Amino acid sequence: MISPLCLINNIPQENGLNVAPSSVVTIALASAVGVNNWTLSVFGTDELTTPPMITMGTGFTATFTMPNYEGSAIILQSVVNNSQDPSGTFNSSLNTTLGVYTLTFDGYRVGAVGETFEGSNIYGWTSKFNPIIRAKGGGPTGIGNNGATGATGPQGATGVQGVTGATGPYGGPPGATGATGPMDLRGQHL
């Protein structure tokens, strides 16, 4: 079966691969059966990384050099036969993406634009962010990317009552006065 799946330094691409900064990375098709042509391009990087130049080699291989710092991510796109099956019909299964990473100083992978399942074929990008959140004591509160606010915590203790302010100046007319007794038909007091 024709497949765009690759080996990264001779290791299957399923969960991406961690490599050393400045290392030369070799990408090769896992199988060349039925493949007439193959392209490999940069699909996305982290916010600090400039897409590297990819050198296409012989026998469906390619190389590039990772950045010379810790904490980088490069997502590559592998396309075989221009994404067309033997009958010339477009087939999305003839292209895939894969990830190559240099770990941060404390052992984490950073994310890249467009990344979905390149770092973990089961849990996707959540496998790189959840360990950091758990390690740093993150919880269910706070503001997320969608602007939603998390749960409100318990109410704190009531503070000390403040000083009562001074009474204001007298000012206002007196209120209405009630009737003082019976009246005659002309409204005169009796």
C-alpha atoms as a PDB file:
ATOM      1  CA  MET A   1       0.000   0.000   0.000  1.00  0.00           C
ATOM      2  CA  ILE A   2       1.285   3.477  -0.856  1.00  0.00           C
ATOM      3  CA  SER A   3       2.089   5.457   2.299  1.00  0.00           C
ATOM      4  CA  PRO A   4       3.557   8.880   3.204  1.00  0.00           C
ATOM      5  CA  LEU A   5       4.677   7.636   6.650  1.00  0.00           C
ATOM      6  CA  CYS A   6       8.279   8.370   7.501  1.00  0.00           C
ATOM      7  CA  LEU A   7      11.182   7.389   9.692  1.00  0.00           C
ATOM      8  CA  ILE A   8      12.900  10.134  11.680  1.00  0.00           C
ATOM      9  CA  ASN A   9      16.535   9.116  12.201  1.00  0.00           C
ATOM     10  CA  ASN A  10      15.369   5.522  11.476  1.00  0.00           C
ATOM     11  CA  ILE A  11      12.595   5.673  14.123  1.00  0.00           C
ATOM     12  CA  PRO A  12       8.865   5.532  13.121  1.00  0.00           C
ATOM     13  CA  GLN A  13       7.190   8.956  13.193  1.00  0.00           C
ATOM     14  CA  GLU A  14       4.207   7.968  15.394  1.00  0.00           C
ATOM     15  CA  ASN A  15       5.087  10.123  18.408  1.00  0.00           C
ATOM     16  CA  GLY A  16       7.605  12.497  16.884  1.00  0.00           C
ATOM     17  CA  LEU A  17      11.242  12.440  17.899  1.00  0.00           C
ATOM     18  CA  ASN A  18      13.345  14.409  20.362  1.00  0.00           C
ATOM     19  CA  VAL A  19      16.770  15.316  19.018  1.00  0.00           C
ATOM     20  CA  ALA A  20      19.711  17.408  20.217  1.00  0.00           C
ATOM     21  CA  PRO A  21      20.019  21.083  19.281  1.00  0.00           C
ATOM     22  CA  SER A  22      22.064  21.602  16.084  1.00  0.00           C
ATOM     23  CA  SER A  23      21.714  17.939  15.105  1.00  0.00           C
ATOM     24  CA  VAL A  24      21.265  16.870  11.496  1.00  0.00           C
ATOM     25  CA  VAL A  25      17.944  15.049  11.158  1.00  0.00           C
ATOM     26  CA  THR A  26      17.347  12.440   8.466  1.00  0.00           C
ATOM     27  CA  ILE A  27      13.810  11.795   7.260  1.00  0.00           C
ATOM     28  CA  ALA A  28      13.106   8.782   5.028  1.00  0.00           C
ATOM     29  CA  LEU A  29       9.938   7.202   3.698  1.00  0.00           C
ATOM     30  CA  ALA A  30       9.132   4.098   5.728  1.00  0.00           C
ATOM     31  CA  SER A  31       8.218   2.313   2.478  1.00  0.00           C
ATOM     32  CA  ALA A  32       8.807   3.296  -1.131  1.00  0.00           C
ATOM     33  CA  VAL A  33       6.337   0.735  -2.521  1.00  0.00           C
ATOM     34  CA  GLY A  34       4.181   2.403  -5.192  1.00  0.00           C
ATOM     35  CA  VAL A  35       5.790   5.823  -4.641  1.00  0.00           C
ATOM     36  CA  ASN A  36       6.646   7.759  -7.803  1.00  0.00           C
ATOM     37  CA  ASN A  37       7.534  11.066  -6.135  1.00  0.00           C
ATOM     38  CA  TRP A  38       7.854  12.448  -2.633  1.00  0.00           C
ATOM     39  CA  THR A  39       7.979  15.943  -1.182  1.00  0.00           C
ATOM     40  CA  LEU A  40       8.854  16.982   2.336  1.00  0.00           C
ATOM     41  CA  SER A  41       8.187  20.532   3.499  1.00  0.00           C
ATOM     42  CA  VAL A  42       7.958  22.504   6.737  1.00  0.00           C
ATOM     43  CA  PHE A  43       4.317  22.645   7.842  1.00  0.00           C
ATOM     44  CA  GLY A  44       4.805  24.639  11.071  1.00  0.00           C
ATOM     45  CA  THR A  45       7.273  25.674  13.754  1.00  0.00           C
ATOM     46  CA  ASP A  46       7.225  27.122  17.246  1.00  0.00           C
ATOM     47  CA  GLU A  47       7.186  30.913  17.549  1.00  0.00           C
ATOM     48  CA  LEU A  48      11.002  31.232  17.742  1.00  0.00           C
ATOM     49  CA  THR A  49      12.112  28.839  15.021  1.00  0.00           C
ATOM     50  CA  THR A  50      12.775  29.805  11.416  1.00  0.00           C
ATOM     51  CA  PRO A  51      11.845  26.976   9.025  1.00  0.00           C
ATOM     52  CA  PRO A  52      15.023  25.103   8.159  1.00  0.00           C
ATOM     53  CA  MET A  53      16.198  24.388   4.627  1.00  0.00           C
ATOM     54  CA  ILE A  54      15.423  20.788   3.676  1.00  0.00           C
ATOM     55  CA  THR A  55      17.864  18.960   1.420  1.00  0.00           C
ATOM     56  CA  MET A  56      16.243  16.172  -0.593  1.00  0.00           C
ATOM     57  CA  GLY A  57      18.517  13.165  -1.013  1.00  0.00           C
ATOM     58  CA  THR A  58      18.419   9.984  -3.022  1.00  0.00           C
ATOM     59  CA  GLY A  59      16.219   6.988  -2.265  1.00  0.00           C
ATOM     60  CA  PHE A  60      13.392   9.047  -0.736  1.00  0.00           C
ATOM     61  CA  THR A  61      15.474  10.633   2.045  1.00  0.00           C
ATOM     62  CA  ALA A  62      15.892  14.225   3.196  1.00  0.00           C
ATOM     63  CA  THR A  63      17.952  16.056   5.814  1.00  0.00           C
ATOM     64  CA  PHE A  64      17.813  19.325   7.709  1.00  0.00           C
ATOM     65  CA  THR A  65      19.530  20.822  10.758  1.00  0.00           C
ATOM     66  CA  MET A  66      17.665  21.562  13.979  1.00  0.00           C
ATOM     67  CA  PRO A  67      18.043  25.000  15.613  1.00  0.00           C
ATOM     68  CA  ASN A  68      20.967  25.378  17.999  1.00  0.00           C
ATOM     69  CA  TYR A  69      18.840  25.964  21.101  1.00  0.00           C
ATOM     70  CA  GLU A  70      16.656  23.991  23.477  1.00  0.00           C
ATOM     71  CA  GLY A  71      12.878  24.113  23.134  1.00  0.00           C
ATOM     72  CA  SER A  72      12.123  24.045  19.413  1.00  0.00           C
ATOM     73  CA  ALA A  73       9.479  22.250  17.360  1.00  0.00           C
ATOM     74  CA  ILE A  74       9.332  21.602  13.623  1.00  0.00           C
ATOM     75  CA  ILE A  75       6.310  19.999  11.975  1.00  0.00           C
ATOM     76  CA  LEU A  76       6.950  18.512   8.535  1.00  0.00           C
ATOM     77  CA  GLN A  77       4.516  17.460   5.823  1.00  0.00           C
ATOM     78  CA  SER A  78       5.226  14.327   3.794  1.00  0.00           C
ATOM     79  CA  VAL A  79       3.357  13.986   0.475  1.00  0.00           C
ATOM     80  CA  VAL A  80       3.676  11.047  -1.915  1.00  0.00           C
ATOM     81  CA  ASN A  81       2.530  10.965  -5.547  1.00  0.00           C
ATOM     82  CA  ASN A  82       1.149  14.517  -5.255  1.00  0.00           C
ATOM     83  CA  SER A  83      -1.646  13.088  -3.056  1.00  0.00           C
ATOM     84  CA  GLN A  84      -3.100  11.210  -6.039  1.00  0.00           C
ATOM     85  CA  ASP A  85      -3.917   7.515  -6.078  1.00  0.00           C
ATOM     86  CA  PRO A  86      -2.971   5.366  -9.114  1.00  0.00           C
ATOM     87  CA  SER A  87      -6.153   6.448 -10.926  1.00  0.00           C
ATOM     88  CA  GLY A  88      -5.246  10.151 -10.518  1.00  0.00           C
ATOM     89  CA  THR A  89      -7.887  10.866  -7.862  1.00  0.00           C
ATOM     90  CA  PHE A  90      -6.948  13.056  -4.873  1.00  0.00           C
ATOM     91  CA  ASN A  91      -6.387  10.938  -1.766  1.00  0.00           C
ATOM     92  CA  SER A  92      -5.727  12.745   1.521  1.00  0.00           C
ATOM     93  CA  SER A  93      -4.201   9.598   3.035  1.00  0.00           C
ATOM     94  CA  LEU A  94      -1.193  10.156   0.777  1.00  0.00           C
ATOM     95  CA  ASN A  95       0.004  13.065   2.909  1.00  0.00           C
ATOM     96  CA  THR A  96       0.801  13.238   6.595  1.00  0.00           C
ATOM     97  CA  THR A  97       2.620  15.375   9.131  1.00  0.00           C
ATOM     98  CA  LEU A  98       5.367  14.499  11.621  1.00  0.00           C
ATOM     99  CA  GLY A  99       7.173  16.311  14.418  1.00  0.00           C
ATOM    100  CA  VAL A 100      10.812  16.790  15.423  1.00  0.00           C
ATOM    101  CA  TYR A 101      11.651  18.495  18.719  1.00  0.00           C
ATOM    102  CA  THR A 102      14.485  19.731  20.913  1.00  0.00           C
ATOM    103  CA  LEU A 103      13.440  19.563  24.567  1.00  0.00           C
ATOM    104  CA  THR A 104      13.452  22.560  26.898  1.00  0.00           C
ATOM    105  CA  PHE A 105      16.086  22.625  29.678  1.00  0.00           C
ATOM    106  CA  ASP A 106      13.611  20.894  32.011  1.00  0.00           C
ATOM    107  CA  GLY A 107      12.561  18.186  29.546  1.00  0.00           C
ATOM    108  CA  TYR A 108       9.379  19.474  27.903  1.00  0.00           C
ATOM    109  CA  ARG A 109       8.406  19.737  24.253  1.00  0.00           C
ATOM    110  CA  VAL A 110       7.173  23.075  22.947  1.00  0.00           C
ATOM    111  CA  GLY A 111       4.240  23.304  20.547  1.00  0.00           C
ATOM    112  CA  ALA A 112       4.221  24.354  16.916  1.00  0.00           C
ATOM    113  CA  VAL A 113       1.714  26.111  14.696  1.00  0.00           C
ATOM    114  CA  GLY A 114      -0.567  23.546  13.089  1.00  0.00           C
ATOM    115  CA  GLU A 115       0.407  20.750  15.460  1.00  0.00           C
ATOM    116  CA  THR A 116      -2.250  18.139  16.228  1.00  0.00           C
ATOM    117  CA  PHE A 117      -1.118  14.509  16.707  1.00  0.00           C
ATOM    118  CA  GLU A 118       2.530  14.734  15.612  1.00  0.00           C
ATOM    119  CA  GLY A 119       3.914  14.510  19.164  1.00  0.00           C
ATOM    120  CA  SER A 120       1.562  11.753  20.348  1.00  0.00           C
ATOM    121  CA  ASN A 121      -0.514   9.598  18.043  1.00  0.00           C
ATOM    122  CA  ILE A 122      -3.015   8.992  20.873  1.00  0.00           C
ATOM    123  CA  TYR A 123      -3.276  12.223  22.894  1.00  0.00           C
ATOM    124  CA  GLY A 124      -2.012  14.824  20.429  1.00  0.00           C
ATOM    125  CA  TRP A 125      -0.710  18.131  21.728  1.00  0.00           C
ATOM    126  CA  THR A 126      -2.361  17.613  25.138  1.00  0.00           C
ATOM    127  CA  SER A 127       0.469  15.206  25.987  1.00  0.00           C
ATOM    128  CA  LYS A 128       2.919  18.106  25.975  1.00  0.00           C
ATOM    129  CA  PHE A 129       0.883  20.715  27.867  1.00  0.00           C
ATOM    130  CA  ASN A 130      -0.877  18.671  30.543  1.00  0.00           C
ATOM    131  CA  PRO A 131       2.372  17.503  32.239  1.00  0.00           C
ATOM    132  CA  ILE A 132       3.497  21.130  32.538  1.00  0.00           C
ATOM    133  CA  ILE A 133       0.170  22.224  33.974  1.00  0.00           C
ATOM    134  CA  ARG A 134       0.205  19.364  36.475  1.00  0.00           C
ATOM    135  CA  ALA A 135       3.857  19.936  37.445  1.00  0.00           C
ATOM    136  CA  LYS A 136       3.355  23.650  37.996  1.00  0.00           C
ATOM    137  CA  GLY A 137       0.224  23.191  40.110  1.00  0.00           C
ATOM    138  CA  GLY A 138      -2.232  24.457  37.538  1.00  0.00           C
ATOM    139  CA  GLY A 139      -5.871  24.037  38.365  1.00  0.00           C
ATOM    140  CA  PRO A 140      -9.347  24.499  36.986  1.00  0.00           C
ATOM    141  CA  THR A 141      -9.550  28.269  37.518  1.00  0.00           C
ATOM    142  CA  GLY A 142      -8.344  31.184  35.462  1.00  0.00           C
ATOM    143  CA  ILE A 143      -9.057  32.661  32.079  1.00  0.00           C
ATOM    144  CA  GLY A 144      -8.720  30.345  29.083  1.00  0.00           C
ATOM    145  CA  ASN A 145      -8.020  31.174  25.457  1.00  0.00           C
ATOM    146  CA  ASN A 146     -11.731  31.531  24.819  1.00  0.00           C
ATOM    147  CA  GLY A 147     -12.087  34.205  27.509  1.00  0.00           C
ATOM    148  CA  ALA A 148     -14.140  31.985  29.813  1.00  0.00           C
ATOM    149  CA  THR A 149     -13.469  32.425  33.515  1.00  0.00           C
ATOM    150  CA  GLY A 150     -12.866  29.385  35.669  1.00  0.00           C
ATOM    151  CA  ALA A 151     -14.700  28.442  38.849  1.00  0.00           C
ATOM    152  CA  THR A 152     -14.853  30.984  41.674  1.00  0.00           C
ATOM    153  CA  GLY A 153     -13.028  30.016  44.855  1.00  0.00           C
ATOM    154  CA  PRO A 154     -14.497  30.128  48.379  1.00  0.00           C
ATOM    155  CA  GLN A 155     -15.367  33.502  49.911  1.00  0.00           C
ATOM    156  CA  GLY A 156     -12.710  34.907  52.232  1.00  0.00           C
ATOM    157  CA  ALA A 157     -13.187  36.239  55.770  1.00  0.00           C
ATOM    158  CA  THR A 158     -15.017  39.544  56.310  1.00  0.00           C
ATOM    159  CA  GLY A 159     -12.660  42.420  57.051  1.00  0.00           C
ATOM    160  CA  VAL A 160     -12.723  44.831  60.012  1.00  0.00           C
ATOM    161  CA  GLN A 161     -15.605  47.331  59.980  1.00  0.00           C
ATOM    162  CA  GLY A 162     -14.553  50.815  59.008  1.00  0.00           C
ATOM    163  CA  VAL A 163     -15.082  54.045  60.984  1.00  0.00           C
ATOM    164  CA  THR A 164     -18.583  55.593  60.844  1.00  0.00           C
ATOM    165  CA  GLY A 165     -18.561  58.902  59.018  1.00  0.00           C
ATOM    166  CA  ALA A 166     -19.691  62.259  60.453  1.00  0.00           C
ATOM    167  CA  THR A 167     -23.392  63.229  60.359  1.00  0.00           C
ATOM    168  CA  GLY A 168     -24.200  65.617  57.529  1.00  0.00           C
ATOM    169  CA  PRO A 169     -25.548  69.183  57.959  1.00  0.00           C
ATOM    170  CA  TYR A 170     -29.223  69.755  58.758  1.00  0.00           C
ATOM    171  CA  GLY A 171     -31.034  70.702  55.684  1.00  0.00           C
ATOM    172  CA  GLY A 172     -34.458  69.940  54.414  1.00  0.00           C
ATOM    173  CA  PRO A 173     -37.943  71.304  55.140  1.00  0.00           C
ATOM    174  CA  PRO A 174     -39.996  69.815  57.946  1.00  0.00           C
ATOM    175  CA  GLY A 175     -42.488  67.118  57.045  1.00  0.00           C
ATOM    176  CA  ALA A 176     -46.277  67.599  56.694  1.00  0.00           C
ATOM    177  CA  THR A 177     -48.306  68.300  59.822  1.00  0.00           C
ATOM    178  CA  GLY A 178     -51.408  66.336  60.646  1.00  0.00           C
ATOM    179  CA  ALA A 179     -54.921  67.773  61.359  1.00  0.00           C
ATOM    180  CA  THR A 180     -55.472  69.148  64.857  1.00  0.00           C
ATOM    181  CA  GLY A 181     -59.143  68.497  65.309  1.00  0.00           C
ATOM    182  CA  PRO A 182     -62.652  68.538  63.800  1.00  0.00           C
ATOM    183  CA  MET A 183     -63.558  71.158  61.126  1.00  0.00           C
ATOM    184  CA  ASP A 184     -66.785  72.738  59.982  1.00  0.00           C
ATOM    185  CA  LEU A 185     -68.075  72.730  56.426  1.00  0.00           C
ATOM    186  CA  ARG A 186     -66.026  75.792  55.536  1.00  0.00           C
ATOM    187  CA  GLY A 187     -62.741  74.162  56.635  1.00  0.00           C
ATOM    188  CA  GLN A 188     -62.520  76.131  59.845  1.00  0.00           C
ATOM    189  CA  HIS A 189     -61.452  74.526  63.071  1.00  0.00           C
ATOM    190  CA  LEU A 190     -64.159  74.181  65.597  1.00  0.00           C
END
